[in-house]
Amino acid sequence: MTTRMNSFITMFRKGDVGKGFAQADFIIERKFKTQFIEHSYIEPEAILAEPSEQGGVKITGCVQNLFSTRRSVASMLILILLVFQIIQSTLGGSFAARMKR
């Protein structure tokens, strides 16, 4: 049995890369190598989703943007926004490292 889940992808676009290359006086291409080190976050990158008493979904977690989290989960589950309650737990120091979306 195969379960199909909705995927959620956010793409950021700023400017026109092709136009930028076309207008550039110089284009320098090089390869760079760096060490294989990834820092660890203080807070977990996880949430808890559970049915609420009112028939909706209660989500608790370390989220930085409550509204985009609610919108993303509603989109993936194909549900309306009104059924979601987001509870923000205590945040650690993200320093923008977790801002992937």
PDB file of N, CA and C in Angstrom:
ATOM      1  N   MET A   1       0.847  -1.185   0.000  1.00  0.00           N
ATOM      2  CA  MET A   1       0.000   0.000   0.000  1.00  0.00           C
ATOM      3  C   MET A   1       0.885   1.239   0.000  1.00  0.00           C
ATOM      4  N   THR A   2       0.604   2.141  -0.887  1.00  0.00           N
ATOM      5  CA  THR A   2       1.386   3.364  -0.990  1.00  0.00           C
ATOM      6  C   THR A   2       0.583   4.531  -0.434  1.00  0.00           C
ATOM      7  N   THR A   3       1.193   5.297   0.429  1.00  0.00           N
ATOM      8  CA  THR A   3       0.546   6.480   0.973  1.00  0.00           C
ATOM      9  C   THR A   3       1.121   7.699   0.284  1.00  0.00           C
ATOM     10  N   ARG A   4       0.254   8.521  -0.243  1.00  0.00           N
ATOM     11  CA  ARG A   4       0.708   9.728  -0.923  1.00  0.00           C
ATOM     12  C   ARG A   4       0.489  10.916  -0.006  1.00  0.00           C
ATOM     13  N   MET A   5       1.549  11.661   0.222  1.00  0.00           N
ATOM     14  CA  MET A   5       1.451  12.849   1.064  1.00  0.00           C
ATOM     15  C   MET A   5       1.649  14.083   0.201  1.00  0.00           C
ATOM     16  N   ASN A   6       1.027  15.147   0.612  1.00  0.00           N
ATOM     17  CA  ASN A   6       1.218  16.417  -0.081  1.00  0.00           C
ATOM     18  C   ASN A   6       2.596  16.946   0.256  1.00  0.00           C
ATOM     19  N   SER A   7       3.284  17.471  -0.725  1.00  0.00           N
ATOM     20  CA  SER A   7       4.591  18.056  -0.456  1.00  0.00           C
ATOM     21  C   SER A   7       4.440  19.562  -0.354  1.00  0.00           C
ATOM     22  N   PHE A   8       5.305  20.161   0.413  1.00  0.00           N
ATOM     23  CA  PHE A   8       5.271  21.609   0.588  1.00  0.00           C
ATOM     24  C   PHE A   8       6.659  22.145   0.322  1.00  0.00           C
ATOM     25  N   ILE A   9       6.792  22.956  -0.697  1.00  0.00           N
ATOM     26  CA  ILE A   9       8.079  23.532  -1.060  1.00  0.00           C
ATOM     27  C   ILE A   9       7.912  25.036  -1.167  1.00  0.00           C
ATOM     28  N   THR A  10       8.793  25.766  -0.533  1.00  0.00           N
ATOM     29  CA  THR A  10       8.792  27.218  -0.640  1.00  0.00           C
ATOM     30  C   THR A  10      10.020  27.624  -1.436  1.00  0.00           C
ATOM     31  N   MET A  11       9.829  28.401  -2.470  1.00  0.00           N
ATOM     32  CA  MET A  11      10.953  28.863  -3.279  1.00  0.00           C
ATOM     33  C   MET A  11      11.098  30.373  -3.113  1.00  0.00           C
ATOM     34  N   PHE A  12      12.325  30.797  -2.928  1.00  0.00           N
ATOM     35  CA  PHE A  12      12.615  32.216  -2.852  1.00  0.00           C
ATOM     36  C   PHE A  12      13.306  32.632  -4.139  1.00  0.00           C
ATOM     37  N   ARG A  13      12.849  33.697  -4.705  1.00  0.00           N
ATOM     38  CA  ARG A  13      13.486  34.229  -5.909  1.00  0.00           C
ATOM     39  C   ARG A  13      13.658  35.734  -5.729  1.00  0.00           C
ATOM     40  N   LYS A  14      14.841  36.190  -6.055  1.00  0.00           N
ATOM     41  CA  LYS A  14      15.087  37.629  -5.976  1.00  0.00           C
ATOM     42  C   LYS A  14      15.980  37.995  -7.145  1.00  0.00           C
ATOM     43  N   GLY A  15      15.478  38.804  -8.027  1.00  0.00           N
ATOM     44  CA  GLY A  15      16.260  39.234  -9.168  1.00  0.00           C
ATOM     45  C   GLY A  15      16.228  38.237 -10.306  1.00  0.00           C
ATOM     46  N   ASP A  16      16.944  38.564 -11.351  1.00  0.00           N
ATOM     47  CA  ASP A  16      17.015  37.741 -12.556  1.00  0.00           C
ATOM     48  C   ASP A  16      18.471  37.341 -12.758  1.00  0.00           C
ATOM     49  N   VAL A  17      18.800  36.077 -12.473  1.00  0.00           N
ATOM     50  CA  VAL A  17      20.184  35.608 -12.539  1.00  0.00           C
ATOM     51  C   VAL A  17      20.733  35.736 -13.960  1.00  0.00           C
ATOM     52  N   GLY A  18      19.951  35.313 -14.944  1.00  0.00           N
ATOM     53  CA  GLY A  18      20.394  35.402 -16.336  1.00  0.00           C
ATOM     54  C   GLY A  18      20.689  36.827 -16.749  1.00  0.00           C
ATOM     55  N   LYS A  19      19.833  37.747 -16.342  1.00  0.00           N
ATOM     56  CA  LYS A  19      20.040  39.163 -16.661  1.00  0.00           C
ATOM     57  C   LYS A  19      21.291  39.695 -15.955  1.00  0.00           C
ATOM     58  N   GLY A  20      21.491  39.233 -14.700  1.00  0.00           N
ATOM     59  CA  GLY A  20      22.672  39.659 -13.958  1.00  0.00           C
ATOM     60  C   GLY A  20      23.958  39.210 -14.629  1.00  0.00           C
ATOM     61  N   PHE A  21      23.990  37.952 -15.098  1.00  0.00           N
ATOM     62  CA  PHE A  21      25.166  37.455 -15.818  1.00  0.00           C
ATOM     63  C   PHE A  21      25.351  38.215 -17.132  1.00  0.00           C
ATOM     64  N   ALA A  22      24.265  38.497 -17.828  1.00  0.00           N
ATOM     65  CA  ALA A  22      24.349  39.205 -19.108  1.00  0.00           C
ATOM     66  C   ALA A  22      24.903  40.615 -18.938  1.00  0.00           C
ATOM     67  N   GLN A  23      24.583  41.254 -17.827  1.00  0.00           N
ATOM     68  CA  GLN A  23      25.022  42.634 -17.594  1.00  0.00           C
ATOM     69  C   GLN A  23      26.373  42.729 -16.891  1.00  0.00           C
ATOM     70  N   ALA A  24      26.898  41.598 -16.424  1.00  0.00           N
ATOM     71  CA  ALA A  24      28.148  41.609 -15.659  1.00  0.00           C
ATOM     72  C   ALA A  24      29.350  41.896 -16.555  1.00  0.00           C
ATOM     73  N   ASP A  25      30.283  42.696 -16.044  1.00  0.00           N
ATOM     74  CA  ASP A  25      31.524  42.959 -16.763  1.00  0.00           C
ATOM     75  C   ASP A  25      32.449  41.749 -16.682  1.00  0.00           C
ATOM     76  N   PHE A  26      32.434  41.062 -15.544  1.00  0.00           N
ATOM     77  CA  PHE A  26      33.274  39.882 -15.332  1.00  0.00           C
ATOM     78  C   PHE A  26      32.451  38.796 -14.653  1.00  0.00           C
ATOM     79  N   ILE A  27      32.706  37.571 -15.026  1.00  0.00           N
ATOM     80  CA  ILE A  27      32.117  36.419 -14.346  1.00  0.00           C
ATOM     81  C   ILE A  27      33.270  35.513 -13.940  1.00  0.00           C
ATOM     82  N   ILE A  28      33.413  35.312 -12.643  1.00  0.00           N
ATOM     83  CA  ILE A  28      34.490  34.478 -12.121  1.00  0.00           C
ATOM     84  C   ILE A  28      33.859  33.234 -11.519  1.00  0.00           C
ATOM     85  N   GLU A  29      34.258  32.078 -12.029  1.00  0.00           N
ATOM     86  CA  GLU A  29      33.730  30.820 -11.516  1.00  0.00           C
ATOM     87  C   GLU A  29      34.871  30.020 -10.916  1.00  0.00           C
ATOM     88  N   ARG A  30      34.682  29.585  -9.669  1.00  0.00           N
ATOM     89  CA  ARG A  30      35.672  28.777  -8.969  1.00  0.00           C
ATOM     90  C   ARG A  30      34.963  27.757  -8.108  1.00  0.00           C
ATOM     91  N   LYS A  31      35.679  26.720  -7.728  1.00  0.00           N
ATOM     92  CA  LYS A  31      35.164  25.731  -6.796  1.00  0.00           C
ATOM     93  C   LYS A  31      35.751  26.001  -5.426  1.00  0.00           C
ATOM     94  N   PHE A  32      34.918  25.890  -4.401  1.00  0.00           N
ATOM     95  CA  PHE A  32      35.358  26.086  -3.030  1.00  0.00           C
ATOM     96  C   PHE A  32      35.060  24.835  -2.226  1.00  0.00           C
ATOM     97  N   LYS A  33      35.963  24.486  -1.335  1.00  0.00           N
ATOM     98  CA  LYS A  33      35.754  23.365  -0.428  1.00  0.00           C
ATOM     99  C   LYS A  33      35.857  23.883   0.995  1.00  0.00           C
ATOM    100  N   THR A  34      35.055  23.305   1.872  1.00  0.00           N
ATOM    101  CA  THR A  34      35.085  23.669   3.274  1.00  0.00           C
ATOM    102  C   THR A  34      34.948  22.406   4.115  1.00  0.00           C
ATOM    103  N   GLN A  35      35.174  22.531   5.390  1.00  0.00           N
ATOM    104  CA  GLN A  35      35.091  21.373   6.273  1.00  0.00           C
ATOM    105  C   GLN A  35      33.640  20.916   6.423  1.00  0.00           C
ATOM    106  N   PHE A  36      33.469  19.649   6.836  1.00  0.00           N
ATOM    107  CA  PHE A  36      32.153  19.076   7.031  1.00  0.00           C
ATOM    108  C   PHE A  36      31.727  19.271   8.486  1.00  0.00           C
ATOM    109  N   ILE A  37      31.335  20.481   8.809  1.00  0.00           N
ATOM    110  CA  ILE A  37      30.912  20.797  10.177  1.00  0.00           C
ATOM    111  C   ILE A  37      29.538  21.439  10.117  1.00  0.00           C
ATOM    112  N   GLU A  38      28.647  20.973  10.965  1.00  0.00           N
ATOM    113  CA  GLU A  38      27.313  21.552  11.087  1.00  0.00           C
ATOM    114  C   GLU A  38      27.081  21.834  12.560  1.00  0.00           C
ATOM    115  N   HIS A  39      26.699  23.040  12.881  1.00  0.00           N
ATOM    116  CA  HIS A  39      26.454  23.353  14.282  1.00  0.00           C
ATOM    117  C   HIS A  39      25.108  22.766  14.713  1.00  0.00           C
ATOM    118  N   SER A  40      24.917  22.629  16.001  1.00  0.00           N
ATOM    119  CA  SER A  40      23.678  22.068  16.547  1.00  0.00           C
ATOM    120  C   SER A  40      22.844  23.174  17.165  1.00  0.00           C
ATOM    121  N   TYR A  41      21.554  23.036  17.033  1.00  0.00           N
ATOM    122  CA  TYR A  41      20.633  24.014  17.606  1.00  0.00           C
ATOM    123  C   TYR A  41      20.315  23.648  19.047  1.00  0.00           C
ATOM    124  N   ILE A  42      19.995  24.641  19.832  1.00  0.00           N
ATOM    125  CA  ILE A  42      19.643  24.408  21.227  1.00  0.00           C
ATOM    126  C   ILE A  42      18.269  23.753  21.322  1.00  0.00           C
ATOM    127  N   GLU A  43      17.321  24.279  20.573  1.00  0.00           N
ATOM    128  CA  GLU A  43      15.960  23.761  20.640  1.00  0.00           C
ATOM    129  C   GLU A  43      15.752  22.658  19.601  1.00  0.00           C
ATOM    130  N   PRO A  44      14.815  21.765  19.844  1.00  0.00           N
ATOM    131  CA  PRO A  44      14.569  20.702  18.868  1.00  0.00           C
ATOM    132  C   PRO A  44      13.891  21.245  17.617  1.00  0.00           C
ATOM    133  N   GLU A  45      14.164  20.632  16.491  1.00  0.00           N
ATOM    134  CA  GLU A  45      13.478  20.998  15.255  1.00  0.00           C
ATOM    135  C   GLU A  45      12.335  20.015  15.074  1.00  0.00           C
ATOM    136  N   ALA A  46      11.341  20.152  15.930  1.00  0.00           N
ATOM    137  CA  ALA A  46      10.207  19.239  15.905  1.00  0.00           C
ATOM    138  C   ALA A  46       8.984  19.930  16.489  1.00  0.00           C
ATOM    139  N   ILE A  47       7.827  19.400  16.151  1.00  0.00           N
ATOM    140  CA  ILE A  47       6.580  19.888  16.737  1.00  0.00           C
ATOM    141  C   ILE A  47       5.750  18.686  17.147  1.00  0.00           C
ATOM    142  N   LEU A  48       4.782  18.941  18.009  1.00  0.00           N
ATOM    143  CA  LEU A  48       3.824  17.926  18.421  1.00  0.00           C
ATOM    144  C   LEU A  48       2.471  18.341  17.873  1.00  0.00           C
ATOM    145  N   ALA A  49       1.855  17.500  17.090  1.00  0.00           N
ATOM    146  CA  ALA A  49       0.519  17.754  16.561  1.00  0.00           C
ATOM    147  C   ALA A  49      -0.426  16.729  17.147  1.00  0.00           C
ATOM    148  N   GLU A  50      -1.533  17.200  17.706  1.00  0.00           N
ATOM    149  CA  GLU A  50      -2.499  16.291  18.322  1.00  0.00           C
ATOM    150  C   GLU A  50      -3.914  16.803  18.089  1.00  0.00           C
ATOM    151  N   PRO A  51      -4.883  15.903  18.095  1.00  0.00           N
ATOM    152  CA  PRO A  51      -6.273  16.343  17.909  1.00  0.00           C
ATOM    153  C   PRO A  51      -6.695  17.224  19.079  1.00  0.00           C
ATOM    154  N   SER A  52      -7.424  18.277  18.791  1.00  0.00           N
ATOM    155  CA  SER A  52      -7.913  19.139  19.862  1.00  0.00           C
ATOM    156  C   SER A  52      -9.315  18.709  20.262  1.00  0.00           C
ATOM    157  N   GLU A  53      -9.764  19.177  21.416  1.00  0.00           N
ATOM    158  CA  GLU A  53     -11.087  18.813  21.922  1.00  0.00           C
ATOM    159  C   GLU A  53     -12.206  19.368  21.040  1.00  0.00           C
ATOM    160  N   GLN A  54     -11.924  20.441  20.305  1.00  0.00           N
ATOM    161  CA  GLN A  54     -12.937  21.063  19.453  1.00  0.00           C
ATOM    162  C   GLN A  54     -12.986  20.439  18.057  1.00  0.00           C
ATOM    163  N   GLY A  55     -12.210  19.393  17.824  1.00  0.00           N
ATOM    164  CA  GLY A  55     -12.230  18.734  16.526  1.00  0.00           C
ATOM    165  C   GLY A  55     -11.174  19.232  15.557  1.00  0.00           C
ATOM    166  N   GLY A  56     -10.311  20.116  16.001  1.00  0.00           N
ATOM    167  CA  GLY A  56      -9.262  20.628  15.135  1.00  0.00           C
ATOM    168  C   GLY A  56      -7.926  19.971  15.420  1.00  0.00           C
ATOM    169  N   VAL A  57      -6.859  20.717  15.170  1.00  0.00           N
ATOM    170  CA  VAL A  57      -5.505  20.219  15.388  1.00  0.00           C
ATOM    171  C   VAL A  57      -4.758  21.222  16.265  1.00  0.00           C
ATOM    172  N   LYS A  58      -4.172  20.734  17.341  1.00  0.00           N
ATOM    173  CA  LYS A  58      -3.374  21.560  18.252  1.00  0.00           C
ATOM    174  C   LYS A  58      -1.909  21.248  17.983  1.00  0.00           C
ATOM    175  N   ILE A  59      -1.128  22.278  17.661  1.00  0.00           N
ATOM    176  CA  ILE A  59       0.286  22.104  17.336  1.00  0.00           C
ATOM    177  C   ILE A  59       1.122  22.881  18.353  1.00  0.00           C
ATOM    178  N   THR A  60       2.052  22.187  18.985  1.00  0.00           N
ATOM    179  CA  THR A  60       2.945  22.806  19.955  1.00  0.00           C
ATOM    180  C   THR A  60       4.377  22.583  19.493  1.00  0.00           C
ATOM    181  N   GLY A  61       5.182  23.636  19.500  1.00  0.00           N
ATOM    182  CA  GLY A  61       6.569  23.462  19.098  1.00  0.00           C
ATOM    183  C   GLY A  61       7.357  24.749  19.068  1.00  0.00           C
ATOM    184  N   CYS A  62       8.639  24.609  18.796  1.00  0.00           N
ATOM    185  CA  CYS A  62       9.541  25.748  18.663  1.00  0.00           C
ATOM    186  C   CYS A  62       9.420  26.298  17.244  1.00  0.00           C
ATOM    187  N   VAL A  63       8.465  27.130  17.033  1.00  0.00           N
ATOM    188  CA  VAL A  63       8.260  27.724  15.716  1.00  0.00           C
ATOM    189  C   VAL A  63       8.502  29.214  15.820  1.00  0.00           C
ATOM    190  N   GLN A  64       9.123  29.776  14.808  1.00  0.00           N
ATOM    191  CA  GLN A  64       9.419  31.204  14.838  1.00  0.00           C
ATOM    192  C   GLN A  64       8.307  32.031  14.217  1.00  0.00           C
ATOM    193  N   ASN A  65       7.581  31.455  13.302  1.00  0.00           N
ATOM    194  CA  ASN A  65       6.508  32.198  12.651  1.00  0.00           C
ATOM    195  C   ASN A  65       5.229  31.373  12.732  1.00  0.00           C
ATOM    196  N   LEU A  66       4.373  31.739  13.663  1.00  0.00           N
ATOM    197  CA  LEU A  66       3.154  30.981  13.904  1.00  0.00           C
ATOM    198  C   LEU A  66       2.245  30.937  12.680  1.00  0.00           C
ATOM    199  N   PHE A  67       2.136  32.056  11.994  1.00  0.00           N
ATOM    200  CA  PHE A  67       1.200  32.141  10.873  1.00  0.00           C
ATOM    201  C   PHE A  67       1.649  31.313   9.673  1.00  0.00           C
ATOM    202  N   SER A  68       2.940  31.346   9.351  1.00  0.00           N
ATOM    203  CA  SER A  68       3.404  30.545   8.212  1.00  0.00           C
ATOM    204  C   SER A  68       3.392  29.056   8.555  1.00  0.00           C
ATOM    205  N   THR A  69       3.629  28.706   9.826  1.00  0.00           N
ATOM    206  CA  THR A  69       3.537  27.314  10.246  1.00  0.00           C
ATOM    207  C   THR A  69       2.113  26.808  10.083  1.00  0.00           C
ATOM    208  N   ARG A  70       1.168  27.594  10.537  1.00  0.00           N
ATOM    209  CA  ARG A  70      -0.247  27.211  10.420  1.00  0.00           C
ATOM    210  C   ARG A  70      -0.663  27.070   8.963  1.00  0.00           C
ATOM    211  N   ARG A  71      -0.232  28.021   8.146  1.00  0.00           N
ATOM    212  CA  ARG A  71      -0.559  27.995   6.714  1.00  0.00           C
ATOM    213  C   ARG A  71       0.068  26.778   6.019  1.00  0.00           C
ATOM    214  N   SER A  72       1.319  26.464   6.358  1.00  0.00           N
ATOM    215  CA  SER A  72       2.020  25.327   5.748  1.00  0.00           C
ATOM    216  C   SER A  72       1.345  24.008   6.105  1.00  0.00           C
ATOM    217  N   VAL A  73       1.045  23.818   7.390  1.00  0.00           N
ATOM    218  CA  VAL A  73       0.429  22.572   7.822  1.00  0.00           C
ATOM    219  C   VAL A  73      -0.975  22.437   7.240  1.00  0.00           C
ATOM    220  N   ALA A  74      -1.729  23.524   7.200  1.00  0.00           N
ATOM    221  CA  ALA A  74      -3.074  23.481   6.609  1.00  0.00           C
ATOM    222  C   ALA A  74      -3.003  23.100   5.138  1.00  0.00           C
ATOM    223  N   SER A  75      -2.004  23.616   4.432  1.00  0.00           N
ATOM    224  CA  SER A  75      -1.835  23.289   3.022  1.00  0.00           C
ATOM    225  C   SER A  75      -1.495  21.815   2.829  1.00  0.00           C
ATOM    226  N   MET A  76      -0.599  21.287   3.665  1.00  0.00           N
ATOM    227  CA  MET A  76      -0.200  19.887   3.538  1.00  0.00           C
ATOM    228  C   MET A  76      -1.337  18.928   3.865  1.00  0.00           C
ATOM    229  N   LEU A  77      -2.150  19.281   4.863  1.00  0.00           N
ATOM    230  CA  LEU A  77      -3.233  18.404   5.290  1.00  0.00           C
ATOM    231  C   LEU A  77      -4.554  18.698   4.578  1.00  0.00           C
ATOM    232  N   ILE A  78      -4.542  19.714   3.735  1.00  0.00           N
ATOM    233  CA  ILE A  78      -5.731  20.155   2.997  1.00  0.00           C
ATOM    234  C   ILE A  78      -6.891  20.422   3.966  1.00  0.00           C
ATOM    235  N   LEU A  79      -6.632  21.259   4.941  1.00  0.00           N
ATOM    236  CA  LEU A  79      -7.635  21.672   5.915  1.00  0.00           C
ATOM    237  C   LEU A  79      -7.671  23.189   5.983  1.00  0.00           C
ATOM    238  N   ILE A  80      -8.773  23.745   6.479  1.00  0.00           N
ATOM    239  CA  ILE A  80      -8.878  25.206   6.597  1.00  0.00           C
ATOM    240  C   ILE A  80      -8.071  25.682   7.813  1.00  0.00           C
ATOM    241  N   LEU A  81      -7.658  26.935   7.770  1.00  0.00           N
ATOM    242  CA  LEU A  81      -6.809  27.493   8.825  1.00  0.00           C
ATOM    243  C   LEU A  81      -7.500  27.517  10.184  1.00  0.00           C
ATOM    244  N   LEU A  82      -8.822  27.655  10.191  1.00  0.00           N
ATOM    245  CA  LEU A  82      -9.544  27.832  11.448  1.00  0.00           C
ATOM    246  C   LEU A  82      -9.475  26.629  12.380  1.00  0.00           C
ATOM    247  N   VAL A  83      -9.130  25.460  11.870  1.00  0.00           N
ATOM    248  CA  VAL A  83      -9.102  24.266  12.732  1.00  0.00           C
ATOM    249  C   VAL A  83      -7.770  24.114  13.457  1.00  0.00           C
ATOM    250  N   PHE A  84      -6.806  24.994  13.226  1.00  0.00           N
ATOM    251  CA  PHE A  84      -5.479  24.866  13.827  1.00  0.00           C
ATOM    252  C   PHE A  84      -5.282  25.824  14.987  1.00  0.00           C
ATOM    253  N   GLN A  85      -4.699  25.295  16.049  1.00  0.00           N
ATOM    254  CA  GLN A  85      -4.265  26.120  17.174  1.00  0.00           C
ATOM    255  C   GLN A  85      -2.767  25.903  17.296  1.00  0.00           C
ATOM    256  N   ILE A  86      -1.983  26.984  17.200  1.00  0.00           N
ATOM    257  CA  ILE A  86      -0.526  26.894  17.296  1.00  0.00           C
ATOM    258  C   ILE A  86      -0.099  27.435  18.654  1.00  0.00           C
ATOM    259  N   ILE A  87       0.658  26.638  19.399  1.00  0.00           N
ATOM    260  CA  ILE A  87       1.181  27.064  20.692  1.00  0.00           C
ATOM    261  C   ILE A  87       2.695  27.101  20.574  1.00  0.00           C
ATOM    262  N   GLN A  88       3.243  28.283  20.789  1.00  0.00           N
ATOM    263  CA  GLN A  88       4.687  28.463  20.651  1.00  0.00           C
ATOM    264  C   GLN A  88       5.366  28.150  21.979  1.00  0.00           C
ATOM    265  N   SER A  89       6.212  27.131  21.978  1.00  0.00           N
ATOM    266  CA  SER A  89       6.970  26.816  23.186  1.00  0.00           C
ATOM    267  C   SER A  89       8.189  27.735  23.261  1.00  0.00           C
ATOM    268  N   THR A  90       8.911  27.653  24.351  1.00  0.00           N
ATOM    269  CA  THR A  90      10.065  28.523  24.552  1.00  0.00           C
ATOM    270  C   THR A  90      11.100  28.315  23.455  1.00  0.00           C
ATOM    271  N   LEU A  91      11.567  29.401  22.892  1.00  0.00           N
ATOM    272  CA  LEU A  91      12.577  29.334  21.826  1.00  0.00           C
ATOM    273  C   LEU A  91      13.971  29.434  22.394  1.00  0.00           C
ATOM    274  N   GLY A  92      14.907  28.805  21.727  1.00  0.00           N
ATOM    275  CA  GLY A  92      16.319  28.994  22.028  1.00  0.00           C
ATOM    276  C   GLY A  92      16.856  30.067  21.109  1.00  0.00           C
ATOM    277  N   GLY A  93      18.155  30.130  20.961  1.00  0.00           N
ATOM    278  CA  GLY A  93      18.754  31.126  20.087  1.00  0.00           C
ATOM    279  C   GLY A  93      18.902  30.589  18.679  1.00  0.00           C
ATOM    280  N   SER A  94      18.132  31.081  17.750  1.00  0.00           N
ATOM    281  CA  SER A  94      18.214  30.557  16.380  1.00  0.00           C
ATOM    282  C   SER A  94      19.220  31.334  15.545  1.00  0.00           C
ATOM    283  N   PHE A  95      19.368  32.602  15.795  1.00  0.00           N
ATOM    284  CA  PHE A  95      20.327  33.430  15.068  1.00  0.00           C
ATOM    285  C   PHE A  95      20.170  33.288  13.566  1.00  0.00           C
ATOM    286  N   ALA A  96      18.940  33.099  13.116  1.00  0.00           N
ATOM    287  CA  ALA A  96      18.556  33.018  11.697  1.00  0.00           C
ATOM    288  C   ALA A  96      19.017  31.726  11.022  1.00  0.00           C
ATOM    289  N   ALA A  97      19.664  30.820  11.730  1.00  0.00           N
ATOM    290  CA  ALA A  97      20.129  29.575  11.115  1.00  0.00           C
ATOM    291  C   ALA A  97      18.975  28.674  10.718  1.00  0.00           C
ATOM    292  N   ARG A  98      17.870  28.734  11.461  1.00  0.00           N
ATOM    293  CA  ARG A  98      16.729  27.877  11.179  1.00  0.00           C
ATOM    294  C   ARG A  98      15.769  28.504  10.183  1.00  0.00           C
ATOM    295  N   MET A  99      16.037  29.686   9.751  1.00  0.00           N
ATOM    296  CA  MET A  99      15.132  30.382   8.827  1.00  0.00           C
ATOM    297  C   MET A  99      15.359  29.865   7.424  1.00  0.00           C
ATOM    298  N   LYS A 100      14.935  28.632   7.170  1.00  0.00           N
ATOM    299  CA  LYS A 100      15.163  27.995   5.868  1.00  0.00           C
ATOM    300  C   LYS A 100      14.043  28.268   4.903  1.00  0.00           C
ATOM    301  N   ARG A 101      12.924  28.789   5.367  1.00  0.00           N
ATOM    302  CA  ARG A 101      11.758  28.988   4.509  1.00  0.00           C
ATOM    303  C   ARG A 101      11.458  30.447   4.377  1.00  0.00           C
TER     304      ARG A 101
END
